[in-house]
Amino acid sequence: PDRIVTGCGSVALAEHLAKATCLPGDEIVYSWRSFEA
């Protein structure tokens, strides 16, 4: 159970992942076009 985190939809959890990993100027890589969020 300590490996599971719930949130307000998977999009909110993606936002929390960004908060937990990134500081201003860090980079997030993704394909485009992909999820607009």
PDB file of all heavy atoms in Angstrom:
ATOM      1  N   PRO A   1       0.802  -1.234   0.000  1.00  0.00           N
ATOM      2  CA  PRO A   1       0.000   0.000   0.000  1.00  0.00           C
ATOM      3  C   PRO A   1       0.829   1.276   0.000  1.00  0.00           C
ATOM      4  O   PRO A   1       0.354   2.308  -0.500  1.00  0.00           O
ATOM      5  CB  PRO A   1      -0.831  -0.123   1.282  1.00  0.00           C
ATOM      6  CG  PRO A   1      -0.900  -1.592   1.553  1.00  0.00           C
ATOM      7  CD  PRO A   1       0.419  -2.146   1.093  1.00  0.00           C
ATOM      8  N   ASP A   2       2.046   1.226   0.535  1.00  0.00           N
ATOM      9  CA  ASP A   2       2.851   2.451   0.579  1.00  0.00           C
ATOM     10  C   ASP A   2       3.383   2.852  -0.794  1.00  0.00           C
ATOM     11  O   ASP A   2       3.996   3.903  -0.938  1.00  0.00           O
ATOM     12  CB  ASP A   2       3.991   2.321   1.583  1.00  0.00           C
ATOM     13  CG  ASP A   2       5.007   1.242   1.234  1.00  0.00           C
ATOM     14  OD1 ASP A   2       4.727   0.405   0.342  1.00  0.00           O
ATOM     15  OD2 ASP A   2       6.077   1.213   1.874  1.00  0.00           O
ATOM     16  N   ARG A   3       3.113   2.042  -1.816  1.00  0.00           N
ATOM     17  CA  ARG A   3       3.509   2.387  -3.184  1.00  0.00           C
ATOM     18  C   ARG A   3       2.388   3.095  -3.948  1.00  0.00           C
ATOM     19  O   ARG A   3       2.595   3.519  -5.082  1.00  0.00           O
ATOM     20  CB  ARG A   3       3.930   1.126  -3.954  1.00  0.00           C
ATOM     21  CG  ARG A   3       5.186   0.460  -3.419  1.00  0.00           C
ATOM     22  CD  ARG A   3       5.581  -0.718  -4.305  1.00  0.00           C
ATOM     23  NE  ARG A   3       5.790  -0.283  -5.691  1.00  0.00           N
ATOM     24  CZ  ARG A   3       5.944  -1.130  -6.707  1.00  0.00           C
ATOM     25  NH1 ARG A   3       5.886  -2.439  -6.498  1.00  0.00           N
ATOM     26  NH2 ARG A   3       6.133  -0.663  -7.926  1.00  0.00           N
ATOM     27  N   ILE A   4       1.218   3.219  -3.342  1.00  0.00           N
ATOM     28  CA  ILE A   4       0.053   3.762  -4.038  1.00  0.00           C
ATOM     29  C   ILE A   4      -0.280   5.149  -3.523  1.00  0.00           C
ATOM     30  O   ILE A   4      -0.288   5.396  -2.312  1.00  0.00           O
ATOM     31  CB  ILE A   4      -1.156   2.819  -3.878  1.00  0.00           C
ATOM     32  CG1 ILE A   4      -0.868   1.490  -4.583  1.00  0.00           C
ATOM     33  CG2 ILE A   4      -2.435   3.455  -4.422  1.00  0.00           C
ATOM     34  CD1 ILE A   4      -1.927   0.452  -4.387  1.00  0.00           C
ATOM     35  N   VAL A   5      -0.556   6.052  -4.462  1.00  0.00           N
ATOM     36  CA  VAL A   5      -1.010   7.409  -4.133  1.00  0.00           C
ATOM     37  C   VAL A   5      -2.277   7.661  -4.941  1.00  0.00           C
ATOM     38  O   VAL A   5      -2.321   7.364  -6.141  1.00  0.00           O
ATOM     39  CB  VAL A   5       0.044   8.475  -4.485  1.00  0.00           C
ATOM     40  CG1 VAL A   5      -0.438   9.868  -4.051  1.00  0.00           C
ATOM     41  CG2 VAL A   5       1.387   8.153  -3.840  1.00  0.00           C
ATOM     42  N   THR A   6      -3.294   8.197  -4.293  1.00  0.00           N
ATOM     43  CA  THR A   6      -4.520   8.552  -5.004  1.00  0.00           C
ATOM     44  C   THR A   6      -4.627  10.070  -5.119  1.00  0.00           C
ATOM     45  O   THR A   6      -3.982  10.811  -4.377  1.00  0.00           O
ATOM     46  CB  THR A   6      -5.777   8.026  -4.281  1.00  0.00           C
ATOM     47  OG1 THR A   6      -5.929   8.727  -3.046  1.00  0.00           O
ATOM     48  CG2 THR A   6      -5.680   6.526  -4.019  1.00  0.00           C
ATOM     49  N   GLY A   7      -5.453  10.504  -6.064  1.00  0.00           N
ATOM     50  CA  GLY A   7      -5.629  11.934  -6.246  1.00  0.00           C
ATOM     51  C   GLY A   7      -6.859  12.238  -7.071  1.00  0.00           C
ATOM     52  O   GLY A   7      -7.614  11.336  -7.442  1.00  0.00           O
ATOM     53  N   CYS A   8      -7.040  13.510  -7.384  1.00  0.00           N
ATOM     54  CA  CYS A   8      -8.228  13.995  -8.095  1.00  0.00           C
ATOM     55  C   CYS A   8      -8.066  13.739  -9.598  1.00  0.00           C
ATOM     56  O   CYS A   8      -7.930  14.665 -10.399  1.00  0.00           O
ATOM     57  CB  CYS A   8      -8.422  15.469  -7.793  1.00  0.00           C
ATOM     58  SG  CYS A   8      -9.931  16.174  -8.478  1.00  0.00           S
ATOM     59  N   GLY A   9      -8.070  12.449  -9.961  1.00  0.00           N
ATOM     60  CA  GLY A   9      -7.833  12.045 -11.336  1.00  0.00           C
ATOM     61  C   GLY A   9      -6.350  11.884 -11.608  1.00  0.00           C
ATOM     62  O   GLY A   9      -5.492  12.420 -10.901  1.00  0.00           O
ATOM     63  N   SER A  10      -6.024  11.123 -12.652  1.00  0.00           N
ATOM     64  CA  SER A  10      -4.611  10.901 -12.968  1.00  0.00           C
ATOM     65  C   SER A  10      -3.932  12.193 -13.416  1.00  0.00           C
ATOM     66  O   SER A  10      -2.722  12.359 -13.233  1.00  0.00           O
ATOM     67  CB  SER A  10      -4.471   9.818 -14.038  1.00  0.00           C
ATOM     68  OG  SER A  10      -5.190  10.145 -15.204  1.00  0.00           O
ATOM     69  N   VAL A  11      -4.696  13.142 -13.978  1.00  0.00           N
ATOM     70  CA  VAL A  11      -4.084  14.398 -14.398  1.00  0.00           C
ATOM     71  C   VAL A  11      -3.577  15.186 -13.196  1.00  0.00           C
ATOM     72  O   VAL A  11      -2.507  15.807 -13.247  1.00  0.00           O
ATOM     73  CB  VAL A  11      -5.075  15.239 -15.238  1.00  0.00           C
ATOM     74  CG1 VAL A  11      -6.303  15.639 -14.427  1.00  0.00           C
ATOM     75  CG2 VAL A  11      -4.396  16.477 -15.784  1.00  0.00           C
ATOM     76  N   ALA A  12      -4.304  15.156 -12.086  1.00  0.00           N
ATOM     77  CA  ALA A  12      -3.835  15.837 -10.879  1.00  0.00           C
ATOM     78  C   ALA A  12      -2.571  15.176 -10.349  1.00  0.00           C
ATOM     79  O   ALA A  12      -1.653  15.851  -9.880  1.00  0.00           O
ATOM     80  CB  ALA A  12      -4.922  15.824  -9.810  1.00  0.00           C
ATOM     81  N   LEU A  13      -2.517  13.862 -10.445  1.00  0.00           N
ATOM     82  CA  LEU A  13      -1.318  13.158  -9.986  1.00  0.00           C
ATOM     83  C   LEU A  13      -0.119  13.472 -10.882  1.00  0.00           C
ATOM     84  O   LEU A  13       1.013  13.575 -10.384  1.00  0.00           O
ATOM     85  CB  LEU A  13      -1.583  11.661  -9.946  1.00  0.00           C
ATOM     86  CG  LEU A  13      -2.535  11.234  -8.816  1.00  0.00           C
ATOM     87  CD1 LEU A  13      -2.996   9.794  -9.010  1.00  0.00           C
ATOM     88  CD2 LEU A  13      -1.864  11.393  -7.445  1.00  0.00           C
ATOM     89  N   ALA A  14      -0.341  13.657 -12.176  1.00  0.00           N
ATOM     90  CA  ALA A  14       0.750  14.084 -13.055  1.00  0.00           C
ATOM     91  C   ALA A  14       1.265  15.456 -12.632  1.00  0.00           C
ATOM     92  O   ALA A  14       2.476  15.718 -12.641  1.00  0.00           O
ATOM     93  CB  ALA A  14       0.277  14.111 -14.506  1.00  0.00           C
ATOM     94  N   GLU A  15       0.347  16.322 -12.240  1.00  0.00           N
ATOM     95  CA  GLU A  15       0.745  17.643 -11.749  1.00  0.00           C
ATOM     96  C   GLU A  15       1.569  17.523 -10.464  1.00  0.00           C
ATOM     97  O   GLU A  15       2.589  18.209 -10.295  1.00  0.00           O
ATOM     98  CB  GLU A  15      -0.500  18.487 -11.508  1.00  0.00           C
ATOM     99  CG  GLU A  15      -0.221  19.906 -11.084  1.00  0.00           C
ATOM    100  CD  GLU A  15      -1.489  20.726 -10.920  1.00  0.00           C
ATOM    101  OE1 GLU A  15      -2.589  20.146 -10.982  1.00  0.00           O
ATOM    102  OE2 GLU A  15      -1.378  21.944 -10.735  1.00  0.00           O
ATOM    103  N   HIS A  16       1.141  16.644  -9.568  1.00  0.00           N
ATOM    104  CA  HIS A  16       1.890  16.450  -8.326  1.00  0.00           C
ATOM    105  C   HIS A  16       3.260  15.838  -8.590  1.00  0.00           C
ATOM    106  O   HIS A  16       4.238  16.167  -7.899  1.00  0.00           O
ATOM    107  CB  HIS A  16       1.094  15.568  -7.367  1.00  0.00           C
ATOM    108  CG  HIS A  16      -0.215  16.166  -6.946  1.00  0.00           C
ATOM    109  ND1 HIS A  16      -0.362  17.489  -6.622  1.00  0.00           N
ATOM    110  CD2 HIS A  16      -1.451  15.598  -6.778  1.00  0.00           C
ATOM    111  CE1 HIS A  16      -1.616  17.730  -6.292  1.00  0.00           C
ATOM    112  NE2 HIS A  16      -2.291  16.603  -6.380  1.00  0.00           N
ATOM    113  N   LEU A  17       3.347  14.964  -9.598  1.00  0.00           N
ATOM    114  CA  LEU A  17       4.645  14.404  -9.975  1.00  0.00           C
ATOM    115  C   LEU A  17       5.593  15.512 -10.440  1.00  0.00           C
ATOM    116  O   LEU A  17       6.781  15.497 -10.099  1.00  0.00           O
ATOM    117  CB  LEU A  17       4.466  13.365 -11.078  1.00  0.00           C
ATOM    118  CG  LEU A  17       4.039  11.970 -10.617  1.00  0.00           C
ATOM    119  CD1 LEU A  17       3.412  11.196 -11.769  1.00  0.00           C
ATOM    120  CD2 LEU A  17       5.249  11.222 -10.072  1.00  0.00           C
ATOM    121  N   ALA A  18       5.070  16.451 -11.213  1.00  0.00           N
ATOM    122  CA  ALA A  18       5.899  17.569 -11.660  1.00  0.00           C
ATOM    123  C   ALA A  18       6.361  18.404 -10.469  1.00  0.00           C
ATOM    124  O   ALA A  18       7.525  18.823 -10.396  1.00  0.00           O
ATOM    125  CB  ALA A  18       5.126  18.429 -12.656  1.00  0.00           C
ATOM    126  N   LYS A  19       5.459  18.644  -9.526  1.00  0.00           N
ATOM    127  CA  LYS A  19       5.837  19.405  -8.331  1.00  0.00           C
ATOM    128  C   LYS A  19       6.910  18.690  -7.518  1.00  0.00           C
ATOM    129  O   LYS A  19       7.789  19.326  -6.931  1.00  0.00           O
ATOM    130  CB  LYS A  19       4.611  19.629  -7.440  1.00  0.00           C
ATOM    131  CG  LYS A  19       3.592  20.609  -7.977  1.00  0.00           C
ATOM    132  CD  LYS A  19       2.435  20.745  -6.982  1.00  0.00           C
ATOM    133  CE  LYS A  19       1.387  21.708  -7.462  1.00  0.00           C
ATOM    134  NZ  LYS A  19       0.242  21.809  -6.513  1.00  0.00           N
ATOM    135  N   ALA A  20       6.807  17.370  -7.465  1.00  0.00           N
ATOM    136  CA  ALA A  20       7.725  16.590  -6.640  1.00  0.00           C
ATOM    137  C   ALA A  20       9.097  16.400  -7.287  1.00  0.00           C
ATOM    138  O   ALA A  20      10.048  16.000  -6.599  1.00  0.00           O
ATOM    139  CB  ALA A  20       7.111  15.221  -6.332  1.00  0.00           C
ATOM    140  N   THR A  21       9.219  16.673  -8.594  1.00  0.00           N
ATOM    141  CA  THR A  21      10.478  16.399  -9.282  1.00  0.00           C
ATOM    142  C   THR A  21      11.155  17.635  -9.851  1.00  0.00           C
ATOM    143  O   THR A  21      12.382  17.629 -10.017  1.00  0.00           O
ATOM    144  CB  THR A  21      10.257  15.404 -10.450  1.00  0.00           C
ATOM    145  OG1 THR A  21       9.260  15.926 -11.342  1.00  0.00           O
ATOM    146  CG2 THR A  21       9.811  14.045  -9.928  1.00  0.00           C
ATOM    147  N   CYS A  22      10.392  18.674 -10.177  1.00  0.00           N
ATOM    148  CA  CYS A  22      10.936  19.777 -10.966  1.00  0.00           C
ATOM    149  C   CYS A  22      11.026  21.084 -10.196  1.00  0.00           C
ATOM    150  O   CYS A  22      10.121  21.439  -9.434  1.00  0.00           O
ATOM    151  CB  CYS A  22      10.077  20.014 -12.205  1.00  0.00           C
ATOM    152  SG  CYS A  22      10.131  18.676 -13.405  1.00  0.00           S
ATOM    153  N   LEU A  23      12.120  21.804 -10.451  1.00  0.00           N
ATOM    154  CA  LEU A  23      12.277  23.194 -10.052  1.00  0.00           C
ATOM    155  C   LEU A  23      12.280  24.048 -11.323  1.00  0.00           C
ATOM    156  O   LEU A  23      12.466  23.514 -12.423  1.00  0.00           O
ATOM    157  CB  LEU A  23      13.584  23.382  -9.278  1.00  0.00           C
ATOM    158  CG  LEU A  23      13.645  22.695  -7.907  1.00  0.00           C
ATOM    159  CD1 LEU A  23      15.060  22.753  -7.352  1.00  0.00           C
ATOM    160  CD2 LEU A  23      12.662  23.345  -6.943  1.00  0.00           C
ATOM    161  N   PRO A  24      12.050  25.348 -11.197  1.00  0.00           N
ATOM    162  CA  PRO A  24      12.073  26.192 -12.390  1.00  0.00           C
ATOM    163  C   PRO A  24      13.348  25.997 -13.203  1.00  0.00           C
ATOM    164  O   PRO A  24      14.452  25.986 -12.653  1.00  0.00           O
ATOM    165  CB  PRO A  24      11.979  27.608 -11.817  1.00  0.00           C
ATOM    166  CG  PRO A  24      11.185  27.420 -10.550  1.00  0.00           C
ATOM    167  CD  PRO A  24      11.670  26.110  -9.991  1.00  0.00           C
ATOM    168  N   GLY A  25      13.163  25.809 -14.508  1.00  0.00           N
ATOM    169  CA  GLY A  25      14.295  25.588 -15.401  1.00  0.00           C
ATOM    170  C   GLY A  25      14.576  24.133 -15.692  1.00  0.00           C
ATOM    171  O   GLY A  25      15.295  23.817 -16.648  1.00  0.00           O
ATOM    172  N   ASP A  26      14.043  23.226 -14.889  1.00  0.00           N
ATOM    173  CA  ASP A  26      14.159  21.807 -15.206  1.00  0.00           C
ATOM    174  C   ASP A  26      13.298  21.472 -16.421  1.00  0.00           C
ATOM    175  O   ASP A  26      12.440  22.256 -16.830  1.00  0.00           O
ATOM    176  CB  ASP A  26      13.739  20.950 -14.004  1.00  0.00           C
ATOM    177  CG  ASP A  26      14.751  20.982 -12.872  1.00  0.00           C
ATOM    178  OD1 ASP A  26      15.921  21.317 -13.139  1.00  0.00           O
ATOM    179  OD2 ASP A  26      14.368  20.674 -11.724  1.00  0.00           O
ATOM    180  N   GLU A  27      13.521  20.287 -16.985  1.00  0.00           N
ATOM    181  CA  GLU A  27      12.847  19.916 -18.224  1.00  0.00           C
ATOM    182  C   GLU A  27      11.923  18.715 -18.046  1.00  0.00           C
ATOM    183  O   GLU A  27      12.235  17.781 -17.292  1.00  0.00           O
ATOM    184  CB  GLU A  27      13.877  19.591 -19.308  1.00  0.00           C
ATOM    185  CG  GLU A  27      14.719  20.776 -19.721  1.00  0.00           C
ATOM    186  CD  GLU A  27      15.848  20.403 -20.657  1.00  0.00           C
ATOM    187  OE1 GLU A  27      16.090  19.191 -20.859  1.00  0.00           O
ATOM    188  OE2 GLU A  27      16.499  21.331 -21.186  1.00  0.00           O
ATOM    189  N   ILE A  28      10.790  18.773 -18.757  1.00  0.00           N
ATOM    190  CA  ILE A  28       9.869  17.643 -18.844  1.00  0.00           C
ATOM    191  C   ILE A  28       9.742  17.279 -20.309  1.00  0.00           C
ATOM    192  O   ILE A  28       9.404  18.115 -21.150  1.00  0.00           O
ATOM    193  CB  ILE A  28       8.492  17.987 -18.253  1.00  0.00           C
ATOM    194  CG1 ILE A  28       8.616  18.335 -16.761  1.00  0.00           C
ATOM    195  CG2 ILE A  28       7.509  16.837 -18.449  1.00  0.00           C
ATOM    196  CD1 ILE A  28       7.298  18.745 -16.104  1.00  0.00           C
ATOM    197  N   VAL A  29      10.031  16.028 -20.631  1.00  0.00           N
ATOM    198  CA  VAL A  29      10.009  15.545 -22.012  1.00  0.00           C
ATOM    199  C   VAL A  29       8.723  14.770 -22.255  1.00  0.00           C
ATOM    200  O   VAL A  29       8.335  13.926 -21.438  1.00  0.00           O
ATOM    201  CB  VAL A  29      11.229  14.644 -22.297  1.00  0.00           C
ATOM    202  CG1 VAL A  29      11.130  14.013 -23.687  1.00  0.00           C
ATOM    203  CG2 VAL A  29      12.532  15.428 -22.160  1.00  0.00           C
ATOM    204  N   TYR A  30       8.067  15.064 -23.372  1.00  0.00           N
ATOM    205  CA  TYR A  30       6.884  14.288 -23.746  1.00  0.00           C
ATOM    206  C   TYR A  30       6.690  14.352 -25.253  1.00  0.00           C
ATOM    207  O   TYR A  30       7.246  15.210 -25.948  1.00  0.00           O
ATOM    208  CB  TYR A  30       5.626  14.789 -23.025  1.00  0.00           C
ATOM    209  CG  TYR A  30       5.351  16.265 -23.120  1.00  0.00           C
ATOM    210  CD1 TYR A  30       4.625  16.795 -24.182  1.00  0.00           C
ATOM    211  CD2 TYR A  30       5.816  17.147 -22.133  1.00  0.00           C
ATOM    212  CE1 TYR A  30       4.355  18.149 -24.260  1.00  0.00           C
ATOM    213  CE2 TYR A  30       5.563  18.509 -22.212  1.00  0.00           C
ATOM    214  CZ  TYR A  30       4.840  19.005 -23.273  1.00  0.00           C
ATOM    215  OH  TYR A  30       4.581  20.352 -23.364  1.00  0.00           O
ATOM    216  N   SER A  31       5.912  13.413 -25.770  1.00  0.00           N
ATOM    217  CA  SER A  31       5.587  13.383 -27.192  1.00  0.00           C
ATOM    218  C   SER A  31       4.538  14.450 -27.496  1.00  0.00           C
ATOM    219  O   SER A  31       3.776  14.859 -26.617  1.00  0.00           O
ATOM    220  CB  SER A  31       5.049  11.998 -27.552  1.00  0.00           C
ATOM    221  OG  SER A  31       4.927  11.827 -28.946  1.00  0.00           O
ATOM    222  N   TRP A  32       4.507  14.869 -28.783  1.00  0.00           N
ATOM    223  CA  TRP A  32       3.511  15.868 -29.156  1.00  0.00           C
ATOM    224  C   TRP A  32       3.089  15.655 -30.608  1.00  0.00           C
ATOM    225  O   TRP A  32       3.924  15.535 -31.459  1.00  0.00           O
ATOM    226  CB  TRP A  32       4.056  17.281 -28.975  1.00  0.00           C
ATOM    227  CG  TRP A  32       2.948  18.293 -28.984  1.00  0.00           C
ATOM    228  CD1 TRP A  32       2.626  19.165 -29.991  1.00  0.00           C
ATOM    229  CD2 TRP A  32       1.977  18.513 -27.944  1.00  0.00           C
ATOM    230  NE1 TRP A  32       1.531  19.930 -29.644  1.00  0.00           N
ATOM    231  CE2 TRP A  32       1.112  19.536 -28.384  1.00  0.00           C
ATOM    232  CE3 TRP A  32       1.754  17.942 -26.683  1.00  0.00           C
ATOM    233  CZ2 TRP A  32       0.042  20.007 -27.619  1.00  0.00           C
ATOM    234  CZ3 TRP A  32       0.706  18.395 -25.924  1.00  0.00           C
ATOM    235  CH2 TRP A  32      -0.138  19.419 -26.391  1.00  0.00           C
ATOM    236  N   ARG A  33       1.791  15.426 -30.825  1.00  0.00           N
ATOM    237  CA  ARG A  33       0.759  15.776 -29.878  1.00  0.00           C
ATOM    238  C   ARG A  33       0.473  14.616 -28.929  1.00  0.00           C
ATOM    239  O   ARG A  33       0.377  13.466 -29.333  1.00  0.00           O
ATOM    240  CB  ARG A  33      -0.529  16.194 -30.613  1.00  0.00           C
ATOM    241  CG  ARG A  33      -1.668  16.526 -29.669  1.00  0.00           C
ATOM    242  CD  ARG A  33      -2.851  17.106 -30.404  1.00  0.00           C
ATOM    243  NE  ARG A  33      -2.610  18.492 -30.767  1.00  0.00           N
ATOM    244  CZ  ARG A  33      -2.831  19.509 -29.948  1.00  0.00           C
ATOM    245  NH1 ARG A  33      -3.289  19.289 -28.716  1.00  0.00           N
ATOM    246  NH2 ARG A  33      -2.595  20.726 -30.328  1.00  0.00           N
ATOM    247  N   SER A  34       0.306  14.988 -27.629  1.00  0.00           N
ATOM    248  CA  SER A  34      -0.121  14.035 -26.624  1.00  0.00           C
ATOM    249  C   SER A  34      -1.140  14.744 -25.740  1.00  0.00           C
ATOM    250  O   SER A  34      -1.801  15.683 -26.193  1.00  0.00           O
ATOM    251  CB  SER A  34       1.082  13.512 -25.834  1.00  0.00           C
ATOM    252  OG  SER A  34       0.745  12.403 -25.031  1.00  0.00           O
ATOM    253  N   PHE A  35      -1.271  14.326 -24.500  1.00  0.00           N
ATOM    254  CA  PHE A  35      -2.308  14.859 -23.626  1.00  0.00           C
ATOM    255  C   PHE A  35      -2.133  16.363 -23.447  1.00  0.00           C
ATOM    256  O   PHE A  35      -1.057  16.836 -23.078  1.00  0.00           O
ATOM    257  CB  PHE A  35      -2.263  14.143 -22.290  1.00  0.00           C
ATOM    258  CG  PHE A  35      -3.342  14.525 -21.314  1.00  0.00           C
ATOM    259  CD1 PHE A  35      -4.598  14.918 -21.735  1.00  0.00           C
ATOM    260  CD2 PHE A  35      -3.101  14.463 -19.955  1.00  0.00           C
ATOM    261  CE1 PHE A  35      -5.595  15.258 -20.837  1.00  0.00           C
ATOM    262  CE2 PHE A  35      -4.089  14.784 -19.040  1.00  0.00           C
ATOM    263  CZ  PHE A  35      -5.332  15.194 -19.476  1.00  0.00           C
ATOM    264  N   GLU A  36      -3.199  17.108 -23.717  1.00  0.00           N
ATOM    265  CA  GLU A  36      -3.097  18.564 -23.751  1.00  0.00           C
ATOM    266  C   GLU A  36      -2.787  19.184 -22.389  1.00  0.00           C
ATOM    267  O   GLU A  36      -2.420  20.364 -22.309  1.00  0.00           O
ATOM    268  CB  GLU A  36      -4.378  19.176 -24.308  1.00  0.00           C
ATOM    269  CG  GLU A  36      -5.614  18.944 -23.472  1.00  0.00           C
ATOM    270  CD  GLU A  36      -6.860  19.537 -24.127  1.00  0.00           C
ATOM    271  OE1 GLU A  36      -6.859  20.742 -24.440  1.00  0.00           O
ATOM    272  OE2 GLU A  36      -7.818  18.788 -24.325  1.00  0.00           O
ATOM    273  N   ALA A  37      -2.914  18.427 -21.299  1.00  0.00           N
ATOM    274  CA  ALA A  37      -2.576  18.968 -19.984  1.00  0.00           C
ATOM    275  C   ALA A  37      -1.064  19.010 -19.734  1.00  0.00           C
ATOM    276  O   ALA A  37      -0.617  19.734 -18.847  1.00  0.00           O
ATOM    277  CB  ALA A  37      -3.248  18.144 -18.881  1.00  0.00           C
TER     278      ALA A  37
END
